[in-house]
């Protein structure tokens, strides 16, 4: 359950980061019609995978500690 939550949070963080990064890449070139688009969707995907990977790695230790406790104690305990 902890790892699933980390996966969702990492996915949402990566998605919002990719969306805002693509949108903000247009700001310096707003109004220049002939300028080519500089954003690559491949790097947006790499950023999302990186965000998901970091969130899963960061939540592995707390999930391991919670697996050694009773369920009631794990949900009420702060690590």
N, C-alpha and C. Protein backbone atom coordinates (compact mmCIF):
# COMPACT_ATOMS: atom_id res chain seq x y z
N UNK A 1 0.82 -1.19 0.00
CA UNK A 1 0.00 0.00 0.00
C UNK A 1 0.87 1.27 0.00
N UNK A 2 1.95 1.24 0.76
CA UNK A 2 2.84 2.40 0.80
C UNK A 2 3.52 2.61 -0.57
N UNK A 3 3.94 1.54 -1.20
CA UNK A 3 4.60 1.67 -2.50
C UNK A 3 3.61 2.10 -3.58
N UNK A 4 2.37 1.64 -3.49
CA UNK A 4 1.36 2.06 -4.44
C UNK A 4 1.08 3.55 -4.31
N UNK A 5 1.02 4.02 -3.08
CA UNK A 5 0.83 5.46 -2.85
C UNK A 5 2.01 6.25 -3.40
N UNK A 6 3.22 5.75 -3.22
CA UNK A 6 4.40 6.43 -3.75
C UNK A 6 4.38 6.45 -5.27
N UNK A 7 3.90 5.36 -5.88
CA UNK A 7 3.80 5.30 -7.33
C UNK A 7 2.83 6.37 -7.85
N UNK A 8 1.68 6.51 -7.20
CA UNK A 8 0.70 7.51 -7.62
C UNK A 8 1.24 8.92 -7.43
N UNK A 9 1.86 9.18 -6.29
CA UNK A 9 2.40 10.52 -6.03
C UNK A 9 3.54 10.84 -7.01
N UNK A 10 4.39 9.88 -7.28
CA UNK A 10 5.47 10.10 -8.24
C UNK A 10 4.94 10.32 -9.65
N UNK A 11 3.90 9.57 -10.04
CA UNK A 11 3.31 9.76 -11.36
C UNK A 11 2.67 11.14 -11.49
N UNK A 12 1.92 11.55 -10.48
CA UNK A 12 1.27 12.86 -10.54
C UNK A 12 2.30 13.99 -10.52
N UNK A 13 3.34 13.85 -9.70
CA UNK A 13 4.39 14.86 -9.66
C UNK A 13 5.13 14.95 -10.99
N UNK A 14 5.43 13.80 -11.59
CA UNK A 14 6.09 13.80 -12.89
C UNK A 14 5.19 14.35 -13.99
N UNK A 15 3.90 14.03 -13.93
CA UNK A 15 2.97 14.54 -14.93
C UNK A 15 2.82 16.05 -14.85
N UNK A 16 2.62 16.57 -13.64
CA UNK A 16 2.51 18.03 -13.49
C UNK A 16 3.81 18.72 -13.86
N UNK A 17 4.94 18.13 -13.49
CA UNK A 17 6.23 18.71 -13.85
C UNK A 17 6.44 18.73 -15.36
N UNK A 18 6.05 17.67 -16.04
CA UNK A 18 6.20 17.62 -17.50
C UNK A 18 5.26 18.63 -18.17
N UNK A 19 4.03 18.72 -17.69
CA UNK A 19 3.08 19.67 -18.28
C UNK A 19 3.56 21.10 -18.09
N UNK A 20 3.93 21.45 -16.87
CA UNK A 20 4.40 22.82 -16.61
C UNK A 20 5.72 23.11 -17.33
N UNK A 21 6.59 22.13 -17.44
CA UNK A 21 7.84 22.33 -18.17
C UNK A 21 7.60 22.60 -19.64
N UNK A 22 6.67 21.86 -20.25
CA UNK A 22 6.35 22.09 -21.65
C UNK A 22 5.68 23.45 -21.83
N UNK A 23 4.74 23.78 -20.94
CA UNK A 23 4.07 25.08 -21.06
C UNK A 23 5.03 26.24 -20.85
N UNK A 24 5.91 26.13 -19.85
CA UNK A 24 6.84 27.23 -19.57
C UNK A 24 7.96 27.32 -20.61
N UNK A 25 8.16 26.28 -21.41
CA UNK A 25 9.16 26.38 -22.46
C UNK A 25 8.71 27.31 -23.58
N UNK A 26 7.42 27.59 -23.66
CA UNK A 26 6.92 28.50 -24.67
C UNK A 26 7.04 29.97 -24.27
N UNK A 27 7.17 30.26 -22.99
CA UNK A 27 7.15 31.65 -22.52
C UNK A 27 8.27 32.51 -23.12
N UNK A 28 9.53 32.06 -23.18
CA UNK A 28 10.57 32.94 -23.74
C UNK A 28 10.36 33.25 -25.23
N UNK A 29 9.62 32.38 -25.92
CA UNK A 29 9.47 32.53 -27.36
C UNK A 29 8.05 32.93 -27.76
N UNK A 30 7.27 33.41 -26.81
CA UNK A 30 5.90 33.80 -27.10
C UNK A 30 5.89 35.00 -28.04
N UNK A 31 5.18 34.91 -29.11
CA UNK A 31 5.10 36.00 -30.07
C UNK A 31 6.01 35.83 -31.26
N UNK A 32 6.93 34.89 -31.20
CA UNK A 32 7.82 34.62 -32.33
C UNK A 32 7.22 33.46 -33.12
N UNK A 33 6.51 33.75 -34.15
CA UNK A 33 5.74 32.74 -34.87
C UNK A 33 6.65 31.74 -35.59
N UNK A 34 7.76 32.19 -36.13
CA UNK A 34 8.59 31.32 -36.94
C UNK A 34 9.58 30.47 -36.14
N UNK A 35 9.57 30.58 -34.81
CA UNK A 35 10.55 29.84 -34.00
C UNK A 35 10.10 28.39 -33.84
N UNK A 36 10.98 27.41 -34.06
CA UNK A 36 10.57 25.99 -33.94
C UNK A 36 10.36 25.60 -32.47
N UNK A 37 9.55 24.58 -32.30
CA UNK A 37 9.23 24.09 -30.97
C UNK A 37 10.43 23.36 -30.40
N UNK A 38 10.86 23.71 -29.19
CA UNK A 38 12.11 23.20 -28.63
C UNK A 38 11.91 22.08 -27.62
N UNK A 39 10.68 21.69 -27.32
CA UNK A 39 10.42 20.71 -26.28
C UNK A 39 10.27 19.32 -26.89
N UNK A 40 10.87 18.32 -26.26
CA UNK A 40 10.79 16.95 -26.72
C UNK A 40 9.93 16.14 -25.75
N UNK A 41 8.99 15.40 -26.30
CA UNK A 41 8.13 14.58 -25.45
C UNK A 41 8.90 13.39 -24.87
N UNK A 42 9.99 13.01 -25.51
CA UNK A 42 10.81 11.92 -24.97
C UNK A 42 11.39 12.34 -23.62
N UNK A 43 11.89 13.58 -23.52
CA UNK A 43 12.47 14.04 -22.26
C UNK A 43 11.40 14.24 -21.20
N UNK A 44 10.18 14.57 -21.61
CA UNK A 44 9.09 14.66 -20.65
C UNK A 44 8.79 13.29 -20.07
N UNK A 45 8.84 12.26 -20.91
CA UNK A 45 8.64 10.88 -20.44
C UNK A 45 9.76 10.42 -19.54
N UNK A 46 11.00 10.79 -19.88
CA UNK A 46 12.14 10.45 -19.03
C UNK A 46 12.01 11.12 -17.67
N UNK A 47 11.56 12.36 -17.67
CA UNK A 47 11.34 13.06 -16.40
C UNK A 47 10.27 12.41 -15.56
N UNK A 48 9.21 11.93 -16.19
CA UNK A 48 8.15 11.23 -15.44
C UNK A 48 8.68 9.92 -14.86
N UNK A 49 9.43 9.18 -15.66
CA UNK A 49 10.00 7.92 -15.15
C UNK A 49 10.97 8.18 -14.00
N UNK A 50 11.74 9.25 -14.11
CA UNK A 50 12.67 9.61 -13.03
C UNK A 50 11.90 9.96 -11.75
N UNK A 51 10.81 10.72 -11.88
CA UNK A 51 10.01 11.08 -10.70
C UNK A 51 9.39 9.85 -10.06
N UNK A 52 8.89 8.93 -10.86
CA UNK A 52 8.31 7.70 -10.32
C UNK A 52 9.39 6.86 -9.64
N UNK A 53 10.55 6.73 -10.28
CA UNK A 53 11.64 5.95 -9.70
C UNK A 53 12.13 6.50 -8.38
N UNK A 54 12.29 7.82 -8.30
CA UNK A 54 12.74 8.44 -7.05
C UNK A 54 11.72 8.25 -5.95
N UNK A 55 10.44 8.38 -6.26
CA UNK A 55 9.42 8.23 -5.22
C UNK A 55 9.34 6.79 -4.72
N UNK A 56 9.51 5.83 -5.60
CA UNK A 56 9.49 4.42 -5.17
C UNK A 56 10.73 4.10 -4.34
N UNK A 57 11.89 4.56 -4.77
CA UNK A 57 13.12 4.31 -4.00
C UNK A 57 13.04 4.97 -2.63
N UNK A 58 12.50 6.19 -2.57
CA UNK A 58 12.42 6.90 -1.29
C UNK A 58 11.40 6.28 -0.35
N UNK A 59 10.42 5.56 -0.87
CA UNK A 59 9.41 4.97 0.01
C UNK A 59 9.67 3.51 0.35
N UNK A 60 10.73 2.93 -0.20
CA UNK A 60 11.01 1.52 0.06
C UNK A 60 11.36 1.26 1.53
N UNK A 61 12.19 2.10 2.11
CA UNK A 61 12.58 1.90 3.51
C UNK A 61 11.40 2.07 4.47
N UNK A 62 10.58 3.12 4.36
CA UNK A 62 9.41 3.20 5.24
C UNK A 62 8.43 2.05 5.03
N UNK A 63 8.29 1.58 3.79
CA UNK A 63 7.40 0.44 3.53
C UNK A 63 7.96 -0.82 4.17
N UNK A 64 9.28 -0.99 4.14
CA UNK A 64 9.90 -2.14 4.78
C UNK A 64 9.69 -2.10 6.29
N UNK A 65 9.88 -0.92 6.89
CA UNK A 65 9.68 -0.79 8.33
C UNK A 65 8.22 -1.04 8.70
N UNK A 66 7.29 -0.57 7.87
CA UNK A 66 5.87 -0.77 8.15
C UNK A 66 5.47 -2.23 8.00
N UNK A 67 6.17 -2.97 7.14
CA UNK A 67 5.83 -4.38 6.97
C UNK A 67 6.18 -5.21 8.20
N UNK A 68 7.06 -4.70 9.06
CA UNK A 68 7.45 -5.41 10.27
C UNK A 68 6.53 -5.10 11.45
N UNK A 69 5.55 -4.19 11.26
CA UNK A 69 4.62 -3.80 12.33
C UNK A 69 3.24 -4.38 12.08
N UNK A 70 2.41 -4.26 13.08
CA UNK A 70 1.00 -4.61 12.88
C UNK A 70 0.36 -3.51 12.03
N UNK A 71 -0.71 -3.83 11.29
CA UNK A 71 -1.31 -2.82 10.41
C UNK A 71 -1.78 -1.56 11.15
N UNK A 72 -2.37 -1.72 12.33
CA UNK A 72 -2.85 -0.56 13.08
C UNK A 72 -1.68 0.32 13.51
N UNK A 73 -0.62 -0.31 13.97
CA UNK A 73 0.56 0.43 14.41
C UNK A 73 1.25 1.11 13.22
N UNK A 74 1.28 0.46 12.06
CA UNK A 74 1.95 1.02 10.90
C UNK A 74 1.25 2.27 10.38
N UNK A 75 -0.08 2.29 10.41
CA UNK A 75 -0.80 3.47 9.91
C UNK A 75 -0.82 4.62 10.90
N UNK A 76 -0.63 4.33 12.16
CA UNK A 76 -0.66 5.40 13.14
C UNK A 76 0.73 5.89 13.53
N UNK A 77 1.75 5.22 13.09
CA UNK A 77 3.12 5.54 13.48
C UNK A 77 3.78 6.43 12.42
N UNK A 78 4.51 7.46 12.86
CA UNK A 78 5.27 8.30 11.94
C UNK A 78 6.72 7.84 11.95
N UNK A 79 7.31 7.77 10.79
CA UNK A 79 8.68 7.28 10.67
C UNK A 79 9.66 8.40 10.77
